[in-house]
Protein backbone atom coordinates (compact mmCIF):
# COMPACT_ATOMS: atom_id res chain seq x y z
CA UNK A 1 0.00 0.00 0.00
CA UNK A 2 1.66 3.23 -1.11
CA UNK A 3 1.87 6.05 1.38
CA UNK A 4 1.76 8.74 -1.35
CA UNK A 5 -0.84 8.53 -4.11
CA UNK A 6 -0.54 9.80 -7.70
CA UNK A 7 -1.91 13.22 -6.74
CA UNK A 8 0.71 13.65 -4.01
CA UNK A 9 -1.65 13.05 -1.10
CA UNK A 10 -0.11 11.24 1.85
CA UNK A 11 -2.06 8.34 3.38
CA UNK A 12 -2.96 8.23 7.06
CA UNK A 13 -0.12 5.79 7.75
CA UNK A 14 2.24 8.05 5.78
CA UNK A 15 1.19 11.00 7.94
CA UNK A 16 1.85 8.95 11.09
CA UNK A 17 5.31 8.06 9.82
CA UNK A 18 6.15 11.64 8.85
CA UNK A 19 4.93 12.91 12.22
CA UNK A 20 7.09 10.31 13.99
CA UNK A 21 10.10 11.60 12.03
CA UNK A 22 9.63 15.18 13.29
CA UNK A 23 12.62 14.52 15.53
CA UNK A 24 15.57 12.42 14.32
CA UNK A 25 14.69 8.71 14.62
CA UNK A 26 15.56 5.31 13.23
CA UNK A 27 13.01 3.26 11.31
CA UNK A 28 12.78 0.85 14.25
CA UNK A 29 11.82 3.77 16.52
CA UNK A 30 9.22 4.93 13.98
CA UNK A 31 7.69 1.44 13.96
CA UNK A 32 7.53 1.44 17.76
CA UNK A 33 6.03 4.95 17.94
CA UNK A 34 3.40 4.35 15.25
CA UNK A 35 2.55 0.72 15.96
CA UNK A 36 3.08 -0.03 12.26
CA UNK A 37 5.05 -3.08 11.12
CA UNK A 38 8.70 -2.38 10.33
CA UNK A 39 8.33 -3.64 6.73
CA UNK A 40 5.61 -1.03 6.15
CA UNK A 41 7.73 1.74 7.71
CA UNK A 42 10.69 0.75 5.49
CA UNK A 43 8.54 0.81 2.37
CA UNK A 44 7.06 4.20 3.27
CA UNK A 45 10.50 5.58 4.09
CA UNK A 46 11.68 4.74 0.57
CA UNK A 47 8.70 6.60 -0.90
CA UNK A 48 8.98 9.68 1.25
CA UNK A 49 12.77 9.82 0.78
CA UNK A 50 12.22 9.78 -2.97
CA UNK A 51 9.64 12.55 -2.60
CA UNK A 52 12.20 14.54 -0.54
CA UNK A 53 9.86 14.75 2.44
CA UNK A 54 12.52 13.30 4.76
CA UNK A 55 16.29 13.11 4.89
CA UNK A 56 18.36 10.14 6.02
CA UNK A 57 21.83 10.23 7.46
CA UNK A 58 23.49 7.17 8.98
CA UNK A 59 20.14 5.41 9.41
CA UNK A 60 18.49 8.37 11.13
CA UNK A 61 15.51 10.05 9.48
CA UNK A 62 14.27 13.63 9.83
CA UNK A 63 11.39 15.45 8.14
CA UNK A 64 12.47 18.16 5.66
CA UNK A 65 10.89 21.59 5.32
CA UNK A 66 8.85 20.20 2.40
CA UNK A 67 7.63 17.36 4.60
CA UNK A 68 6.62 19.74 7.38
CA UNK A 69 4.74 21.93 4.89
CA UNK A 70 2.91 18.93 3.51
CA UNK A 71 1.91 17.75 7.00
CA UNK A 72 0.63 21.22 7.91
CA UNK A 73 -1.31 21.55 4.64
CA UNK A 74 -3.00 18.16 5.10
CA UNK A 75 -3.80 18.58 8.81
PDB file of N, CA and C in Angstrom:
ATOM      1  N   UNK A   1       0.848  -1.182   0.000  1.00  0.00           N
ATOM      2  CA  UNK A   1       0.000   0.000   0.000  1.00  0.00           C
ATOM      3  C   UNK A   1       0.890   1.241   0.000  1.00  0.00           C
ATOM      4  N   UNK A   2       0.807   2.033  -1.056  1.00  0.00           N
ATOM      5  CA  UNK A   2       1.657   3.233  -1.115  1.00  0.00           C
ATOM      6  C   UNK A   2       1.240   4.263  -0.069  1.00  0.00           C
ATOM      7  N   UNK A   3       2.210   5.018   0.405  1.00  0.00           N
ATOM      8  CA  UNK A   3       1.873   6.050   1.385  1.00  0.00           C
ATOM      9  C   UNK A   3       1.656   7.403   0.711  1.00  0.00           C
ATOM     10  N   UNK A   4       2.015   7.518  -0.579  1.00  0.00           N
ATOM     11  CA  UNK A   4       1.756   8.737  -1.352  1.00  0.00           C
ATOM     12  C   UNK A   4       1.059   8.324  -2.633  1.00  0.00           C
ATOM     13  N   UNK A   5      -0.123   8.905  -2.898  1.00  0.00           N
ATOM     14  CA  UNK A   5      -0.836   8.532  -4.114  1.00  0.00           C
ATOM     15  C   UNK A   5      -0.380   9.390  -5.295  1.00  0.00           C
ATOM     16  N   UNK A   6      -0.958   9.124  -6.464  1.00  0.00           N
ATOM     17  CA  UNK A   6      -0.544   9.798  -7.703  1.00  0.00           C
ATOM     18  C   UNK A   6      -0.728  11.317  -7.639  1.00  0.00           C
ATOM     19  N   UNK A   7      -1.673  11.779  -6.839  1.00  0.00           N
ATOM     20  CA  UNK A   7      -1.913  13.224  -6.740  1.00  0.00           C
ATOM     21  C   UNK A   7      -1.019  13.890  -5.689  1.00  0.00           C
ATOM     22  N   UNK A   8      -0.187  13.094  -5.013  1.00  0.00           N
ATOM     23  CA  UNK A   8       0.711  13.645  -4.008  1.00  0.00           C
ATOM     24  C   UNK A   8       0.148  13.656  -2.602  1.00  0.00           C
ATOM     25  N   UNK A   9      -1.047  13.123  -2.422  1.00  0.00           N
ATOM     26  CA  UNK A   9      -1.647  13.055  -1.096  1.00  0.00           C
ATOM     27  C   UNK A   9      -0.999  11.936  -0.284  1.00  0.00           C
ATOM     28  N   UNK A  10      -0.732  12.217   0.962  1.00  0.00           N
ATOM     29  CA  UNK A  10      -0.115  11.243   1.853  1.00  0.00           C
ATOM     30  C   UNK A  10      -1.217  10.498   2.605  1.00  0.00           C
ATOM     31  N   UNK A  11      -1.086   9.173   2.668  1.00  0.00           N
ATOM     32  CA  UNK A  11      -2.065   8.341   3.376  1.00  0.00           C
ATOM     33  C   UNK A  11      -1.988   8.593   4.875  1.00  0.00           C
ATOM     34  N   UNK A  12      -2.957   8.080   5.597  1.00  0.00           N
ATOM     35  CA  UNK A  12      -2.960   8.230   7.060  1.00  0.00           C
ATOM     36  C   UNK A  12      -1.713   7.596   7.683  1.00  0.00           C
ATOM     37  N   UNK A  13      -1.327   6.414   7.194  1.00  0.00           N
ATOM     38  CA  UNK A  13      -0.123   5.786   7.745  1.00  0.00           C
ATOM     39  C   UNK A  13       1.113   6.601   7.372  1.00  0.00           C
ATOM     40  N   UNK A  14       1.128   7.185   6.181  1.00  0.00           N
ATOM     41  CA  UNK A  14       2.238   8.053   5.782  1.00  0.00           C
ATOM     42  C   UNK A  14       2.341   9.268   6.672  1.00  0.00           C
ATOM     43  N   UNK A  15       1.197   9.842   7.038  1.00  0.00           N
ATOM     44  CA  UNK A  15       1.190  10.996   7.942  1.00  0.00           C
ATOM     45  C   UNK A  15       1.727  10.613   9.320  1.00  0.00           C
ATOM     46  N   UNK A  16       1.348   9.431   9.797  1.00  0.00           N
ATOM     47  CA  UNK A  16       1.851   8.955  11.094  1.00  0.00           C
ATOM     48  C   UNK A  16       3.372   8.823  11.059  1.00  0.00           C
ATOM     49  N   UNK A  17       3.865   8.272   9.956  1.00  0.00           N
ATOM     50  CA  UNK A  17       5.306   8.059   9.823  1.00  0.00           C
ATOM     51  C   UNK A  17       6.029   9.392   9.749  1.00  0.00           C
ATOM     52  N   UNK A  18       5.528  10.306   8.934  1.00  0.00           N
ATOM     53  CA  UNK A  18       6.147  11.638   8.848  1.00  0.00           C
ATOM     54  C   UNK A  18       6.142  12.339  10.204  1.00  0.00           C
ATOM     55  N   UNK A  19       5.029  12.265  10.904  1.00  0.00           N
ATOM     56  CA  UNK A  19       4.934  12.910  12.219  1.00  0.00           C
ATOM     57  C   UNK A  19       5.944  12.299  13.188  1.00  0.00           C
ATOM     58  N   UNK A  20       6.133  10.981  13.108  1.00  0.00           N
ATOM     59  CA  UNK A  20       7.095  10.314  13.993  1.00  0.00           C
ATOM     60  C   UNK A  20       8.522  10.732  13.676  1.00  0.00           C
ATOM     61  N   UNK A  21       8.760  11.183  12.444  1.00  0.00           N
ATOM     62  CA  UNK A  21      10.099  11.602  12.029  1.00  0.00           C
ATOM     63  C   UNK A  21      10.347  13.090  12.276  1.00  0.00           C
ATOM     64  N   UNK A  22       9.461  13.749  12.993  1.00  0.00           N
ATOM     65  CA  UNK A  22       9.631  15.176  13.294  1.00  0.00           C
ATOM     66  C   UNK A  22      10.942  15.425  14.030  1.00  0.00           C
ATOM     67  N   UNK A  23      11.316  14.487  14.864  1.00  0.00           N
ATOM     68  CA  UNK A  23      12.621  14.517  15.530  1.00  0.00           C
ATOM     69  C   UNK A  23      13.435  13.370  14.952  1.00  0.00           C
ATOM     70  N   UNK A  24      14.746  13.479  14.895  1.00  0.00           N
ATOM     71  CA  UNK A  24      15.570  12.417  14.322  1.00  0.00           C
ATOM     72  C   UNK A  24      15.306  11.062  14.979  1.00  0.00           C
ATOM     73  N   UNK A  25      14.997  10.061  14.136  1.00  0.00           N
ATOM     74  CA  UNK A  25      14.690   8.713  14.625  1.00  0.00           C
ATOM     75  C   UNK A  25      15.156   7.669  13.618  1.00  0.00           C
ATOM     76  N   UNK A  26      15.292   6.446  14.102  1.00  0.00           N
ATOM     77  CA  UNK A  26      15.564   5.306  13.227  1.00  0.00           C
ATOM     78  C   UNK A  26      14.223   4.719  12.786  1.00  0.00           C
ATOM     79  N   UNK A  27      14.260   3.878  11.775  1.00  0.00           N
ATOM     80  CA  UNK A  27      13.015   3.259  11.313  1.00  0.00           C
ATOM     81  C   UNK A  27      12.418   2.344  12.383  1.00  0.00           C
ATOM     82  N   UNK A  28      13.269   1.704  13.160  1.00  0.00           N
ATOM     83  CA  UNK A  28      12.781   0.855  14.248  1.00  0.00           C
ATOM     84  C   UNK A  28      12.006   1.687  15.268  1.00  0.00           C
ATOM     85  N   UNK A  29      12.512   2.881  15.573  1.00  0.00           N
ATOM     86  CA  UNK A  29      11.820   3.772  16.517  1.00  0.00           C
ATOM     87  C   UNK A  29      10.494   4.255  15.927  1.00  0.00           C
ATOM     88  N   UNK A  30      10.474   4.517  14.631  1.00  0.00           N
ATOM     89  CA  UNK A  30       9.222   4.930  13.976  1.00  0.00           C
ATOM     90  C   UNK A  30       8.192   3.813  14.092  1.00  0.00           C
ATOM     91  N   UNK A  31       8.609   2.584  13.850  1.00  0.00           N
ATOM     92  CA  UNK A  31       7.687   1.440  13.957  1.00  0.00           C
ATOM     93  C   UNK A  31       7.138   1.330  15.375  1.00  0.00           C
ATOM     94  N   UNK A  32       7.992   1.512  16.369  1.00  0.00           N
ATOM     95  CA  UNK A  32       7.534   1.439  17.762  1.00  0.00           C
ATOM     96  C   UNK A  32       6.561   2.563  18.079  1.00  0.00           C
ATOM     97  N   UNK A  33       6.870   3.784  17.634  1.00  0.00           N
ATOM     98  CA  UNK A  33       6.026   4.948  17.937  1.00  0.00           C
ATOM     99  C   UNK A  33       4.667   4.870  17.259  1.00  0.00           C
ATOM    100  N   UNK A  34       4.642   4.355  16.028  1.00  0.00           N
ATOM    101  CA  UNK A  34       3.397   4.352  15.254  1.00  0.00           C
ATOM    102  C   UNK A  34       2.590   3.079  15.417  1.00  0.00           C
ATOM    103  N   UNK A  35       3.234   2.010  15.872  1.00  0.00           N
ATOM    104  CA  UNK A  35       2.553   0.721  15.960  1.00  0.00           C
ATOM    105  C   UNK A  35       2.432   0.031  14.616  1.00  0.00           C
ATOM    106  N   UNK A  36       3.118   0.564  13.594  1.00  0.00           N
ATOM    107  CA  UNK A  36       3.081  -0.035  12.256  1.00  0.00           C
ATOM    108  C   UNK A  36       4.193  -1.065  12.136  1.00  0.00           C
ATOM    109  N   UNK A  37       3.996  -2.083  11.302  1.00  0.00           N
ATOM    110  CA  UNK A  37       5.051  -3.080  11.119  1.00  0.00           C
ATOM    111  C   UNK A  37       6.292  -2.448  10.466  1.00  0.00           C
ATOM    112  N   UNK A  38       7.455  -2.928  10.837  1.00  0.00           N
ATOM    113  CA  UNK A  38       8.705  -2.379  10.329  1.00  0.00           C
ATOM    114  C   UNK A  38       8.775  -2.450   8.808  1.00  0.00           C
ATOM    115  N   UNK A  39       8.282  -3.540   8.190  1.00  0.00           N
ATOM    116  CA  UNK A  39       8.330  -3.637   6.730  1.00  0.00           C
ATOM    117  C   UNK A  39       7.539  -2.504   6.085  1.00  0.00           C
ATOM    118  N   UNK A  40       6.422  -2.118   6.686  1.00  0.00           N
ATOM    119  CA  UNK A  40       5.607  -1.028   6.146  1.00  0.00           C
ATOM    120  C   UNK A  40       6.311   0.317   6.318  1.00  0.00           C
ATOM    121  N   UNK A  41       6.975   0.510   7.450  1.00  0.00           N
ATOM    122  CA  UNK A  41       7.729   1.740   7.707  1.00  0.00           C
ATOM    123  C   UNK A  41       8.884   1.844   6.715  1.00  0.00           C
ATOM    124  N   UNK A  42       9.581   0.741   6.458  1.00  0.00           N
ATOM    125  CA  UNK A  42      10.686   0.754   5.494  1.00  0.00           C
ATOM    126  C   UNK A  42      10.202   1.116   4.098  1.00  0.00           C
ATOM    127  N   UNK A  43       9.103   0.524   3.688  1.00  0.00           N
ATOM    128  CA  UNK A  43       8.537   0.809   2.368  1.00  0.00           C
ATOM    129  C   UNK A  43       8.142   2.283   2.249  1.00  0.00           C
ATOM    130  N   UNK A  44       7.473   2.791   3.268  1.00  0.00           N
ATOM    131  CA  UNK A  44       7.058   4.195   3.266  1.00  0.00           C
ATOM    132  C   UNK A  44       8.265   5.117   3.282  1.00  0.00           C
ATOM    133  N   UNK A  45       9.302   4.750   4.018  1.00  0.00           N
ATOM    134  CA  UNK A  45      10.503   5.580   4.090  1.00  0.00           C
ATOM    135  C   UNK A  45      11.134   5.725   2.708  1.00  0.00           C
ATOM    136  N   UNK A  46      11.137   4.647   1.929  1.00  0.00           N
ATOM    137  CA  UNK A  46      11.675   4.739   0.566  1.00  0.00           C
ATOM    138  C   UNK A  46      10.880   5.746  -0.255  1.00  0.00           C
ATOM    139  N   UNK A  47       9.557   5.681  -0.144  1.00  0.00           N
ATOM    140  CA  UNK A  47       8.695   6.599  -0.903  1.00  0.00           C
ATOM    141  C   UNK A  47       8.893   8.048  -0.480  1.00  0.00           C
ATOM    142  N   UNK A  48       8.903   8.290   0.811  1.00  0.00           N
ATOM    143  CA  UNK A  48       8.985   9.682   1.249  1.00  0.00           C
ATOM    144  C   UNK A  48      10.403  10.247   1.116  1.00  0.00           C
ATOM    145  N   UNK A  49      11.407   9.363   1.106  1.00  0.00           N
ATOM    146  CA  UNK A  49      12.767   9.822   0.783  1.00  0.00           C
ATOM    147  C   UNK A  49      12.825  10.277  -0.668  1.00  0.00           C
ATOM    148  N   UNK A  50      12.245   9.462  -1.552  1.00  0.00           N
ATOM    149  CA  UNK A  50      12.221   9.776  -2.974  1.00  0.00           C
ATOM    150  C   UNK A  50      11.476  11.079  -3.233  1.00  0.00           C
ATOM    151  N   UNK A  51      10.426  11.332  -2.463  1.00  0.00           N
ATOM    152  CA  UNK A  51       9.635  12.553  -2.605  1.00  0.00           C
ATOM    153  C   UNK A  51      10.293  13.739  -1.893  1.00  0.00           C
ATOM    154  N   UNK A  52      11.441  13.510  -1.263  1.00  0.00           N
ATOM    155  CA  UNK A  52      12.200  14.542  -0.541  1.00  0.00           C
ATOM    156  C   UNK A  52      11.428  15.150   0.633  1.00  0.00           C
ATOM    157  N   UNK A  53      10.603  14.315   1.267  1.00  0.00           N
ATOM    158  CA  UNK A  53       9.860  14.748   2.443  1.00  0.00           C
ATOM    159  C   UNK A  53      10.633  14.471   3.726  1.00  0.00           C
ATOM    160  N   UNK A  54      11.621  13.582   3.639  1.00  0.00           N
ATOM    161  CA  UNK A  54      12.517  13.296   4.764  1.00  0.00           C
ATOM    162  C   UNK A  54      13.943  13.196   4.243  1.00  0.00           C
ATOM    163  N   UNK A  55      14.875  13.314   5.172  1.00  0.00           N
ATOM    164  CA  UNK A  55      16.291  13.107   4.889  1.00  0.00           C
ATOM    165  C   UNK A  55      16.773  11.957   5.761  1.00  0.00           C
ATOM    166  N   UNK A  56      17.774  11.243   5.259  1.00  0.00           N
ATOM    167  CA  UNK A  56      18.358  10.138   6.019  1.00  0.00           C
ATOM    168  C   UNK A  56      19.858  10.336   6.085  1.00  0.00           C
ATOM    169  N   UNK A  57      20.388  10.176   7.273  1.00  0.00           N
ATOM    170  CA  UNK A  57      21.834  10.233   7.461  1.00  0.00           C
ATOM    171  C   UNK A  57      22.213   9.196   8.503  1.00  0.00           C
ATOM    172  N   UNK A  58      23.028   8.240   8.080  1.00  0.00           N
ATOM    173  CA  UNK A  58      23.489   7.170   8.977  1.00  0.00           C
ATOM    174  C   UNK A  58      22.338   6.417   9.639  1.00  0.00           C
ATOM    175  N   UNK A  59      21.270   6.175   8.882  1.00  0.00           N
ATOM    176  CA  UNK A  59      20.143   5.408   9.413  1.00  0.00           C
ATOM    177  C   UNK A  59      19.173   6.196  10.267  1.00  0.00           C
ATOM    178  N   UNK A  60      19.371   7.509  10.348  1.00  0.00           N
ATOM    179  CA  UNK A  60      18.491   8.370  11.134  1.00  0.00           C
ATOM    180  C   UNK A  60      17.712   9.265  10.174  1.00  0.00           C
ATOM    181  N   UNK A  61      16.405   9.331  10.371  1.00  0.00           N
ATOM    182  CA  UNK A  61      15.508  10.051   9.476  1.00  0.00           C
ATOM    183  C   UNK A  61      14.947  11.295  10.146  1.00  0.00           C
ATOM    184  N   UNK A  62      14.822  12.366   9.349  1.00  0.00           N
ATOM    185  CA  UNK A  62      14.274  13.631   9.826  1.00  0.00           C
ATOM    186  C   UNK A  62      13.411  14.233   8.729  1.00  0.00           C
ATOM    187  N   UNK A  63      12.281  14.802   9.098  1.00  0.00           N
ATOM    188  CA  UNK A  63      11.394  15.455   8.140  1.00  0.00           C
ATOM    189  C   UNK A  63      12.064  16.719   7.606  1.00  0.00           C
ATOM    190  N   UNK A  64      11.938  16.944   6.289  1.00  0.00           N
ATOM    191  CA  UNK A  64      12.466  18.156   5.658  1.00  0.00           C
ATOM    192  C   UNK A  64      11.434  19.276   5.770  1.00  0.00           C
ATOM    193  N   UNK A  65      11.825  20.469   5.337  1.00  0.00           N
ATOM    194  CA  UNK A  65      10.886  21.595   5.320  1.00  0.00           C
ATOM    195  C   UNK A  65       9.695  21.264   4.416  1.00  0.00           C
ATOM    196  N   UNK A  66       9.942  20.602   3.309  1.00  0.00           N
ATOM    197  CA  UNK A  66       8.853  20.200   2.400  1.00  0.00           C
ATOM    198  C   UNK A  66       7.898  19.232   3.094  1.00  0.00           C
ATOM    199  N   UNK A  67       8.464  18.301   3.868  1.00  0.00           N
ATOM    200  CA  UNK A  67       7.629  17.358   4.603  1.00  0.00           C
ATOM    201  C   UNK A  67       6.796  18.026   5.669  1.00  0.00           C
ATOM    202  N   UNK A  68       7.363  18.997   6.347  1.00  0.00           N
ATOM    203  CA  UNK A  68       6.624  19.739   7.378  1.00  0.00           C
ATOM    204  C   UNK A  68       5.483  20.534   6.730  1.00  0.00           C
ATOM    205  N   UNK A  69       5.774  21.166   5.596  1.00  0.00           N
ATOM    206  CA  UNK A  69       4.745  21.928   4.891  1.00  0.00           C
ATOM    207  C   UNK A  69       3.602  21.029   4.474  1.00  0.00           C
ATOM    208  N   UNK A  70       3.940  19.857   3.950  1.00  0.00           N
ATOM    209  CA  UNK A  70       2.909  18.929   3.514  1.00  0.00           C
ATOM    210  C   UNK A  70       2.049  18.485   4.685  1.00  0.00           C
ATOM    211  N   UNK A  71       2.672  18.162   5.809  1.00  0.00           N
ATOM    212  CA  UNK A  71       1.911  17.751   6.998  1.00  0.00           C
ATOM    213  C   UNK A  71       0.975  18.867   7.459  1.00  0.00           C
ATOM    214  N   UNK A  72       1.464  20.084   7.473  1.00  0.00           N
ATOM    215  CA  UNK A  72       0.634  21.220   7.907  1.00  0.00           C
ATOM    216  C   UNK A  72      -0.522  21.438   6.954  1.00  0.00           C
ATOM    217  N   UNK A  73      -0.270  21.308   5.651  1.00  0.00           N
ATOM    218  CA  UNK A  73      -1.308  21.551   4.638  1.00  0.00           C
ATOM    219  C   UNK A  73      -2.393  20.483   4.696  1.00  0.00           C
ATOM    220  N   UNK A  74      -2.035  19.253   5.088  1.00  0.00           N
ATOM    221  CA  UNK A  74      -3.000  18.164   5.095  1.00  0.00           C
ATOM    222  C   UNK A  74      -3.580  17.912   6.481  1.00  0.00           C
ATOM    223  N   UNK A  75      -3.262  18.750   7.439  1.00  0.00           N
ATOM    224  CA  UNK A  75      -3.795  18.580   8.806  1.00  0.00           C
ATOM    225  C   UNK A  75      -5.255  18.964   8.871  1.00  0.00           C
TER     226      UNK A  75
END
